[in-house]
Amino acid sequence: MAGKEGAIDPFEAMHAKGDAYIRQMEGRIGVPEGTFHALRDDDNDWSFLIKLQAIVEAGIVRIVTRKIGADELMPFVSRLAVDGTTSKLKLALTLGVMDEPQAKYVRQLANIRNQFAHSIENIAGSLGAYVAARPAEWRRDFARNCTALYVPLPASVVDETEWTGALCREMLWGGAMYLLTKLLVHDLEAESEQWRKQLMELMVENRVLKDSELPAGPALSLHSLFQGIPPNTEG
């Protein structure tokens, strides 16, 4: 609540709207409903980073395998590195289900997760203190990569920021919410396309259409995707 008694905090209202989308995505990646929202209240920065990274990666794996149209590849895609020549991000970018600003956010999250959470001494450490100790340009990149997806922050604002664990978590959490809702849109599109194909197959079975009248599907191969060749979706 903010301002006059009974007034609704607009930021909380926006989060509530986003939660409706996130709950759908949680169900699709097999995460208990409310897990993502609960991360906002997790003041242990170490566990927050590990859980947030796991949820984001699960979302990427989900949409990549759905876009390819091969759910059986999920274990393989899950084992890929986050970034690199043969990675989750390489597939997501080539398939067009993520853009470069979104990829930069994921790289930022993975980077800080690896640097902070891989050190056992940080199990009770402060993410705010960690970020505050980084060089000014690193802090600008961190803020830019986290917030550019929804509300870009100018460098002057970042330089005057008092870095706390709560603020860092909110930036990372907000970036993840935006990314996951975008991935949900792609997932729904893939689901719709799968439904369309099943409908056409039924029409063929019932002799409403002939096989020769079906549009050709995109030719996909993991090799071509890792080479950065997008699938041909025409036809």
C-alpha atoms as a PDB file:
ATOM      1  CA  MET A   1       0.000   0.000   0.000  1.00  0.00           C
ATOM      2  CA  ALA A   2       1.192   3.530  -0.677  1.00  0.00           C
ATOM      3  CA  GLY A   3      -0.035   7.097  -0.395  1.00  0.00           C
ATOM      4  CA  LYS A   4      -3.578   7.448   0.914  1.00  0.00           C
ATOM      5  CA  GLU A   5      -5.031   4.675   2.988  1.00  0.00           C
ATOM      6  CA  GLY A   6      -6.605   2.095   0.725  1.00  0.00           C
ATOM      7  CA  ALA A   7      -4.602   3.183  -2.332  1.00  0.00           C
ATOM      8  CA  ILE A   8      -2.997   0.404  -4.353  1.00  0.00           C
ATOM      9  CA  ASP A   9       0.760   0.469  -4.923  1.00  0.00           C
ATOM     10  CA  PRO A  10       1.070   0.560  -8.760  1.00  0.00           C
ATOM     11  CA  PHE A  11       4.272  -1.479  -8.656  1.00  0.00           C
ATOM     12  CA  GLU A  12       2.598  -4.217  -6.634  1.00  0.00           C
ATOM     13  CA  ALA A  13      -0.357  -4.111  -9.028  1.00  0.00           C
ATOM     14  CA  MET A  14       1.995  -4.697 -11.950  1.00  0.00           C
ATOM     15  CA  HIS A  15       3.708  -7.540 -10.105  1.00  0.00           C
ATOM     16  CA  ALA A  16       0.309  -9.106  -9.423  1.00  0.00           C
ATOM     17  CA  LYS A  17      -0.503  -8.982 -13.136  1.00  0.00           C
ATOM     18  CA  GLY A  18       2.855 -10.529 -13.972  1.00  0.00           C
ATOM     19  CA  ASP A  19       2.296 -13.253 -11.382  1.00  0.00           C
ATOM     20  CA  ALA A  20      -0.692 -14.508 -13.363  1.00  0.00           C
ATOM     21  CA  TYR A  21       1.606 -15.151 -16.331  1.00  0.00           C
ATOM     22  CA  ILE A  22       4.368 -16.569 -14.155  1.00  0.00           C
ATOM     23  CA  ARG A  23       1.997 -19.094 -12.565  1.00  0.00           C
ATOM     24  CA  GLN A  24       1.265 -20.423 -16.049  1.00  0.00           C
ATOM     25  CA  MET A  25       4.987 -20.735 -16.774  1.00  0.00           C
ATOM     26  CA  GLU A  26       5.635 -22.439 -13.436  1.00  0.00           C
ATOM     27  CA  GLY A  27       3.152 -25.145 -14.343  1.00  0.00           C
ATOM     28  CA  ARG A  28       4.772 -25.616 -17.741  1.00  0.00           C
ATOM     29  CA  ILE A  29       8.304 -26.093 -16.345  1.00  0.00           C
ATOM     30  CA  GLY A  30       7.191 -28.247 -13.404  1.00  0.00           C
ATOM     31  CA  VAL A  31       7.803 -25.709 -10.618  1.00  0.00           C
ATOM     32  CA  PRO A  32       5.296 -25.542  -7.720  1.00  0.00           C
ATOM     33  CA  GLU A  33       2.967 -22.565  -8.072  1.00  0.00           C
ATOM     34  CA  GLY A  34       4.177 -19.550  -6.123  1.00  0.00           C
ATOM     35  CA  THR A  35       7.857 -20.583  -6.173  1.00  0.00           C
ATOM     36  CA  PHE A  36       8.936 -17.631  -8.285  1.00  0.00           C
ATOM     37  CA  HIS A  37       6.990 -15.050  -6.293  1.00  0.00           C
ATOM     38  CA  ALA A  38       8.368 -16.472  -3.029  1.00  0.00           C
ATOM     39  CA  LEU A  39      11.884 -15.636  -4.216  1.00  0.00           C
ATOM     40  CA  ARG A  40      11.137 -11.947  -3.606  1.00  0.00           C
ATOM     41  CA  ASP A  41      10.940 -12.746   0.104  1.00  0.00           C
ATOM     42  CA  ASP A  42      14.088 -14.900   0.155  1.00  0.00           C
ATOM     43  CA  ASP A  43      16.646 -12.695   1.869  1.00  0.00           C
ATOM     44  CA  ASN A  44      19.374 -15.337   1.532  1.00  0.00           C
ATOM     45  CA  ASP A  45      21.184 -14.046  -1.542  1.00  0.00           C
ATOM     46  CA  TRP A  46      23.064 -17.309  -2.076  1.00  0.00           C
ATOM     47  CA  SER A  47      19.957 -19.489  -2.364  1.00  0.00           C
ATOM     48  CA  PHE A  48      18.093 -16.747  -4.258  1.00  0.00           C
ATOM     49  CA  LEU A  49      20.655 -16.776  -7.070  1.00  0.00           C
ATOM     50  CA  ILE A  50      20.740 -20.561  -7.327  1.00  0.00           C
ATOM     51  CA  LYS A  51      16.935 -20.869  -7.457  1.00  0.00           C
ATOM     52  CA  LEU A  52      16.440 -17.962  -9.871  1.00  0.00           C
ATOM     53  CA  GLN A  53      19.057 -19.301 -12.282  1.00  0.00           C
ATOM     54  CA  ALA A  54      17.446 -22.758 -12.198  1.00  0.00           C
ATOM     55  CA  ILE A  55      13.987 -21.355 -12.996  1.00  0.00           C
ATOM     56  CA  VAL A  56      15.255 -19.165 -15.844  1.00  0.00           C
ATOM     57  CA  GLU A  57      17.214 -22.024 -17.410  1.00  0.00           C
ATOM     58  CA  ALA A  58      14.199 -24.333 -17.123  1.00  0.00           C
ATOM     59  CA  GLY A  59      12.114 -21.757 -18.988  1.00  0.00           C
ATOM     60  CA  ILE A  60      14.689 -21.542 -21.783  1.00  0.00           C
ATOM     61  CA  VAL A  61      14.946 -25.331 -22.085  1.00  0.00           C
ATOM     62  CA  ARG A  62      11.170 -25.604 -22.234  1.00  0.00           C
ATOM     63  CA  ILE A  63      10.685 -23.142 -25.086  1.00  0.00           C
ATOM     64  CA  VAL A  64      13.715 -24.350 -27.078  1.00  0.00           C
ATOM     65  CA  THR A  65      12.502 -27.953 -27.108  1.00  0.00           C
ATOM     66  CA  ARG A  66       8.914 -26.901 -27.831  1.00  0.00           C
ATOM     67  CA  LYS A  67      10.053 -24.646 -30.695  1.00  0.00           C
ATOM     68  CA  ILE A  68      12.097 -27.474 -32.200  1.00  0.00           C
ATOM     69  CA  GLY A  69       9.083 -29.728 -31.740  1.00  0.00           C
ATOM     70  CA  ALA A  70      11.006 -32.449 -29.947  1.00  0.00           C
ATOM     71  CA  ASP A  71      10.247 -32.707 -26.237  1.00  0.00           C
ATOM     72  CA  GLU A  72      12.431 -35.826 -26.116  1.00  0.00           C
ATOM     73  CA  LEU A  73      15.464 -33.517 -26.508  1.00  0.00           C
ATOM     74  CA  MET A  74      14.773 -31.823 -23.172  1.00  0.00           C
ATOM     75  CA  PRO A  75      17.363 -33.878 -21.207  1.00  0.00           C
ATOM     76  CA  PHE A  76      19.995 -33.101 -23.864  1.00  0.00           C
ATOM     77  CA  VAL A  77      19.237 -29.363 -23.990  1.00  0.00           C
ATOM     78  CA  SER A  78      19.158 -29.238 -20.172  1.00  0.00           C
ATOM     79  CA  ARG A  79      22.764 -30.442 -20.041  1.00  0.00           C
ATOM     80  CA  LEU A  80      24.043 -27.751 -22.409  1.00  0.00           C
ATOM     81  CA  ALA A  81      26.007 -24.812 -21.035  1.00  0.00           C
ATOM     82  CA  VAL A  82      24.132 -21.549 -20.618  1.00  0.00           C
ATOM     83  CA  ASP A  83      26.315 -19.674 -23.107  1.00  0.00           C
ATOM     84  CA  GLY A  84      28.815 -20.553 -25.797  1.00  0.00           C
ATOM     85  CA  THR A  85      28.988 -22.056 -29.274  1.00  0.00           C
ATOM     86  CA  THR A  86      26.774 -25.013 -28.370  1.00  0.00           C
ATOM     87  CA  SER A  87      24.558 -23.715 -25.605  1.00  0.00           C
ATOM     88  CA  LYS A  88      21.008 -22.989 -24.488  1.00  0.00           C
ATOM     89  CA  LEU A  89      21.344 -19.328 -25.464  1.00  0.00           C
ATOM     90  CA  LYS A  90      22.758 -20.200 -28.889  1.00  0.00           C
ATOM     91  CA  LEU A  91      19.688 -22.330 -29.613  1.00  0.00           C
ATOM     92  CA  ALA A  92      17.252 -19.765 -28.202  1.00  0.00           C
ATOM     93  CA  LEU A  93      18.763 -16.920 -30.235  1.00  0.00           C
ATOM     94  CA  THR A  94      18.895 -18.939 -33.454  1.00  0.00           C
ATOM     95  CA  LEU A  95      15.306 -20.087 -33.046  1.00  0.00           C
ATOM     96  CA  GLY A  96      14.214 -16.494 -32.460  1.00  0.00           C
ATOM     97  CA  VAL A  97      12.623 -17.126 -29.062  1.00  0.00           C
ATOM     98  CA  MET A  98      15.051 -14.727 -27.366  1.00  0.00           C
ATOM     99  CA  ASP A  99      16.773 -11.521 -28.458  1.00  0.00           C
ATOM    100  CA  GLU A 100      20.189 -10.156 -27.542  1.00  0.00           C
ATOM    101  CA  PRO A 101      19.067  -7.904 -24.623  1.00  0.00           C
ATOM    102  CA  GLN A 102      17.344 -10.930 -23.077  1.00  0.00           C
ATOM    103  CA  ALA A 103      20.474 -13.014 -23.644  1.00  0.00           C
ATOM    104  CA  LYS A 104      22.575 -10.319 -21.941  1.00  0.00           C
ATOM    105  CA  TYR A 105      20.322 -10.551 -18.895  1.00  0.00           C
ATOM    106  CA  VAL A 106      20.744 -14.337 -18.736  1.00  0.00           C
ATOM    107  CA  ARG A 107      24.520 -13.989 -19.105  1.00  0.00           C
ATOM    108  CA  GLN A 108      24.541 -11.394 -16.305  1.00  0.00           C
ATOM    109  CA  LEU A 109      22.513 -13.665 -14.038  1.00  0.00           C
ATOM    110  CA  ALA A 110      24.702 -16.684 -14.812  1.00  0.00           C
ATOM    111  CA  ASN A 111      27.872 -14.652 -14.290  1.00  0.00           C
ATOM    112  CA  ILE A 112      26.918 -13.271 -10.890  1.00  0.00           C
ATOM    113  CA  ARG A 113      25.460 -16.610  -9.838  1.00  0.00           C
ATOM    114  CA  ASN A 114      28.733 -18.356 -10.708  1.00  0.00           C
ATOM    115  CA  GLN A 115      30.927 -15.742  -9.039  1.00  0.00           C
ATOM    116  CA  PHE A 116      28.830 -15.290  -5.899  1.00  0.00           C
ATOM    117  CA  ALA A 117      27.064 -18.583  -5.293  1.00  0.00           C
ATOM    118  CA  HIS A 118      30.008 -20.829  -6.155  1.00  0.00           C
ATOM    119  CA  SER A 119      31.876 -19.495  -3.121  1.00  0.00           C
ATOM    120  CA  ILE A 120      30.687 -21.326  -0.015  1.00  0.00           C
ATOM    121  CA  GLU A 121      31.763 -18.387   2.159  1.00  0.00           C
ATOM    122  CA  ASN A 122      28.965 -16.382   0.524  1.00  0.00           C
ATOM    123  CA  ILE A 123      26.288 -18.737   1.836  1.00  0.00           C
ATOM    124  CA  ALA A 124      25.350 -16.018   4.332  1.00  0.00           C
ATOM    125  CA  GLY A 125      26.951 -13.159   2.405  1.00  0.00           C
ATOM    126  CA  SER A 126      25.424  -9.973   1.028  1.00  0.00           C
ATOM    127  CA  LEU A 127      24.813  -9.623  -2.690  1.00  0.00           C
ATOM    128  CA  GLY A 128      24.535  -5.874  -2.146  1.00  0.00           C
ATOM    129  CA  ALA A 129      28.029  -5.702  -0.653  1.00  0.00           C
ATOM    130  CA  TYR A 130      29.356  -7.860  -3.488  1.00  0.00           C
ATOM    131  CA  VAL A 131      27.883  -5.566  -6.172  1.00  0.00           C
ATOM    132  CA  ALA A 132      28.936  -2.392  -4.330  1.00  0.00           C
ATOM    133  CA  ALA A 133      32.548  -3.633  -4.289  1.00  0.00           C
ATOM    134  CA  ARG A 134      32.630  -4.061  -8.082  1.00  0.00           C
ATOM    135  CA  PRO A 135      34.044  -1.302 -10.357  1.00  0.00           C
ATOM    136  CA  ALA A 136      31.621   1.430 -11.419  1.00  0.00           C
ATOM    137  CA  GLU A 137      31.416   0.193 -15.029  1.00  0.00           C
ATOM    138  CA  TRP A 138      30.621  -3.338 -13.804  1.00  0.00           C
ATOM    139  CA  ARG A 139      27.756  -1.946 -11.689  1.00  0.00           C
ATOM    140  CA  ARG A 140      26.429  -0.004 -14.670  1.00  0.00           C
ATOM    141  CA  ASP A 141      26.484  -3.136 -16.811  1.00  0.00           C
ATOM    142  CA  PHE A 142      24.747  -5.090 -14.061  1.00  0.00           C
ATOM    143  CA  ALA A 143      21.947  -2.535 -13.739  1.00  0.00           C
ATOM    144  CA  ARG A 144      21.656  -2.096 -17.512  1.00  0.00           C
ATOM    145  CA  ASN A 145      21.450  -5.825 -18.222  1.00  0.00           C
ATOM    146  CA  CYS A 146      18.884  -6.397 -15.469  1.00  0.00           C
ATOM    147  CA  THR A 147      16.591  -3.452 -16.116  1.00  0.00           C
ATOM    148  CA  ALA A 148      16.976  -2.781 -19.862  1.00  0.00           C
ATOM    149  CA  LEU A 149      14.286  -5.392 -20.534  1.00  0.00           C
ATOM    150  CA  TYR A 150      11.627  -3.232 -18.904  1.00  0.00           C
ATOM    151  CA  VAL A 151      12.837   0.170 -17.559  1.00  0.00           C
ATOM    152  CA  PRO A 152      16.399   1.207 -18.563  1.00  0.00           C
ATOM    153  CA  LEU A 153      18.232   3.131 -15.847  1.00  0.00           C
ATOM    154  CA  PRO A 154      20.595   5.983 -16.810  1.00  0.00           C
ATOM    155  CA  ALA A 155      24.195   5.738 -15.587  1.00  0.00           C
ATOM    156  CA  SER A 156      23.732   8.805 -13.362  1.00  0.00           C
ATOM    157  CA  VAL A 157      21.017   7.013 -11.395  1.00  0.00           C
ATOM    158  CA  VAL A 158      23.084   3.819 -11.133  1.00  0.00           C
ATOM    159  CA  ASP A 159      26.136   5.727  -9.868  1.00  0.00           C
ATOM    160  CA  GLU A 160      24.098   7.255  -7.032  1.00  0.00           C
ATOM    161  CA  THR A 161      22.475   3.968  -6.057  1.00  0.00           C
ATOM    162  CA  GLU A 162      22.957   2.556  -2.576  1.00  0.00           C
ATOM    163  CA  TRP A 163      23.425  -1.126  -3.297  1.00  0.00           C
ATOM    164  CA  THR A 164      21.589  -3.470  -0.961  1.00  0.00           C
ATOM    165  CA  GLY A 165      20.805  -7.153  -1.218  1.00  0.00           C
ATOM    166  CA  ALA A 166      17.101  -6.352  -1.551  1.00  0.00           C
ATOM    167  CA  LEU A 167      17.696  -3.966  -4.472  1.00  0.00           C
ATOM    168  CA  CYS A 168      19.959  -6.419  -6.324  1.00  0.00           C
ATOM    169  CA  ARG A 169      17.449  -9.230  -5.848  1.00  0.00           C
ATOM    170  CA  GLU A 170      14.611  -7.001  -7.088  1.00  0.00           C
ATOM    171  CA  MET A 171      16.561  -6.077 -10.237  1.00  0.00           C
ATOM    172  CA  LEU A 172      17.407  -9.691 -11.033  1.00  0.00           C
ATOM    173  CA  TRP A 173      13.906 -10.904 -10.124  1.00  0.00           C
ATOM    174  CA  GLY A 174      12.256  -8.224 -12.280  1.00  0.00           C
ATOM    175  CA  GLY A 175      14.412  -9.143 -15.281  1.00  0.00           C
ATOM    176  CA  ALA A 176      13.506 -12.800 -14.835  1.00  0.00           C
ATOM    177  CA  MET A 177       9.788 -12.002 -14.618  1.00  0.00           C
ATOM    178  CA  TYR A 178       9.902 -10.083 -17.884  1.00  0.00           C
ATOM    179  CA  LEU A 179      11.914 -12.817 -19.625  1.00  0.00           C
ATOM    180  CA  LEU A 180       9.676 -15.646 -18.406  1.00  0.00           C
ATOM    181  CA  THR A 181       6.516 -13.869 -19.569  1.00  0.00           C
ATOM    182  CA  LYS A 182       8.098 -13.431 -23.011  1.00  0.00           C
ATOM    183  CA  LEU A 183       9.026 -17.114 -23.085  1.00  0.00           C
ATOM    184  CA  LEU A 184       5.440 -17.962 -22.135  1.00  0.00           C
ATOM    185  CA  VAL A 185       4.206 -16.118 -25.241  1.00  0.00           C
ATOM    186  CA  HIS A 186       6.507 -18.230 -27.425  1.00  0.00           C
ATOM    187  CA  ASP A 187       5.391 -21.367 -25.607  1.00  0.00           C
ATOM    188  CA  LEU A 188       1.747 -20.562 -26.291  1.00  0.00           C
ATOM    189  CA  GLU A 189       2.582 -19.947 -29.957  1.00  0.00           C
ATOM    190  CA  ALA A 190       4.355 -23.320 -30.148  1.00  0.00           C
ATOM    191  CA  GLU A 191       1.361 -24.956 -28.482  1.00  0.00           C
ATOM    192  CA  SER A 192      -0.970 -23.329 -31.008  1.00  0.00           C
ATOM    193  CA  GLU A 193       1.194 -24.536 -33.900  1.00  0.00           C
ATOM    194  CA  GLN A 194       1.217 -28.063 -32.480  1.00  0.00           C
ATOM    195  CA  TRP A 195      -2.581 -27.939 -32.260  1.00  0.00           C
ATOM    196  CA  ARG A 196      -2.777 -26.764 -35.886  1.00  0.00           C
ATOM    197  CA  LYS A 197      -0.610 -29.669 -37.059  1.00  0.00           C
ATOM    198  CA  GLN A 198      -2.663 -32.189 -35.107  1.00  0.00           C
ATOM    199  CA  LEU A 199      -5.825 -30.757 -36.653  1.00  0.00           C
ATOM    200  CA  MET A 200      -4.406 -31.121 -40.160  1.00  0.00           C
ATOM    201  CA  GLU A 201      -3.392 -34.720 -39.429  1.00  0.00           C
ATOM    202  CA  LEU A 202      -6.951 -35.447 -38.319  1.00  0.00           C
ATOM    203  CA  MET A 203      -8.250 -33.872 -41.504  1.00  0.00           C
ATOM    204  CA  VAL A 204      -6.003 -36.159 -43.545  1.00  0.00           C
ATOM    205  CA  GLU A 205      -7.113 -39.213 -41.559  1.00  0.00           C
ATOM    206  CA  ASN A 206     -10.732 -38.284 -42.217  1.00  0.00           C
ATOM    207  CA  ARG A 207      -9.966 -37.581 -45.890  1.00  0.00           C
ATOM    208  CA  VAL A 208     -10.813 -33.911 -45.668  1.00  0.00           C
ATOM    209  CA  LEU A 209      -7.284 -33.172 -46.927  1.00  0.00           C
ATOM    210  CA  LYS A 210      -4.727 -35.144 -48.903  1.00  0.00           C
ATOM    211  CA  ASP A 211      -1.120 -35.554 -47.761  1.00  0.00           C
ATOM    212  CA  SER A 212       0.000 -33.606 -50.811  1.00  0.00           C
ATOM    213  CA  GLU A 213      -2.097 -30.629 -49.681  1.00  0.00           C
ATOM    214  CA  LEU A 214      -0.345 -30.264 -46.321  1.00  0.00           C
ATOM    215  CA  PRO A 215       2.129 -27.361 -46.043  1.00  0.00           C
ATOM    216  CA  ALA A 216       5.736 -28.418 -45.584  1.00  0.00           C
ATOM    217  CA  GLY A 217       7.068 -28.007 -42.058  1.00  0.00           C
ATOM    218  CA  PRO A 218      10.395 -26.325 -41.192  1.00  0.00           C
ATOM    219  CA  ALA A 219      13.491 -28.457 -41.608  1.00  0.00           C
ATOM    220  CA  LEU A 220      15.296 -28.418 -38.256  1.00  0.00           C
ATOM    221  CA  SER A 221      18.594 -29.925 -37.170  1.00  0.00           C
ATOM    222  CA  LEU A 222      20.662 -29.213 -34.074  1.00  0.00           C
ATOM    223  CA  HIS A 223      23.756 -28.855 -36.246  1.00  0.00           C
ATOM    224  CA  SER A 224      22.219 -26.071 -38.342  1.00  0.00           C
ATOM    225  CA  LEU A 225      20.859 -24.349 -35.226  1.00  0.00           C
ATOM    226  CA  PHE A 226      24.251 -24.321 -33.518  1.00  0.00           C
ATOM    227  CA  GLN A 227      25.693 -22.873 -36.720  1.00  0.00           C
ATOM    228  CA  GLY A 228      23.255 -20.003 -36.299  1.00  0.00           C
ATOM    229  CA  ILE A 229      21.056 -20.957 -39.230  1.00  0.00           C
ATOM    230  CA  PRO A 230      17.428 -20.170 -38.371  1.00  0.00           C
ATOM    231  CA  PRO A 231      14.781 -22.719 -39.378  1.00  0.00           C
ATOM    232  CA  ASN A 232      12.827 -22.168 -42.548  1.00  0.00           C
ATOM    233  CA  THR A 233       9.342 -21.451 -41.297  1.00  0.00           C
ATOM    234  CA  GLU A 234       7.837 -20.716 -44.690  1.00  0.00           C
ATOM    235  CA  GLY A 235       5.632 -23.159 -46.515  1.00  0.00           C
END
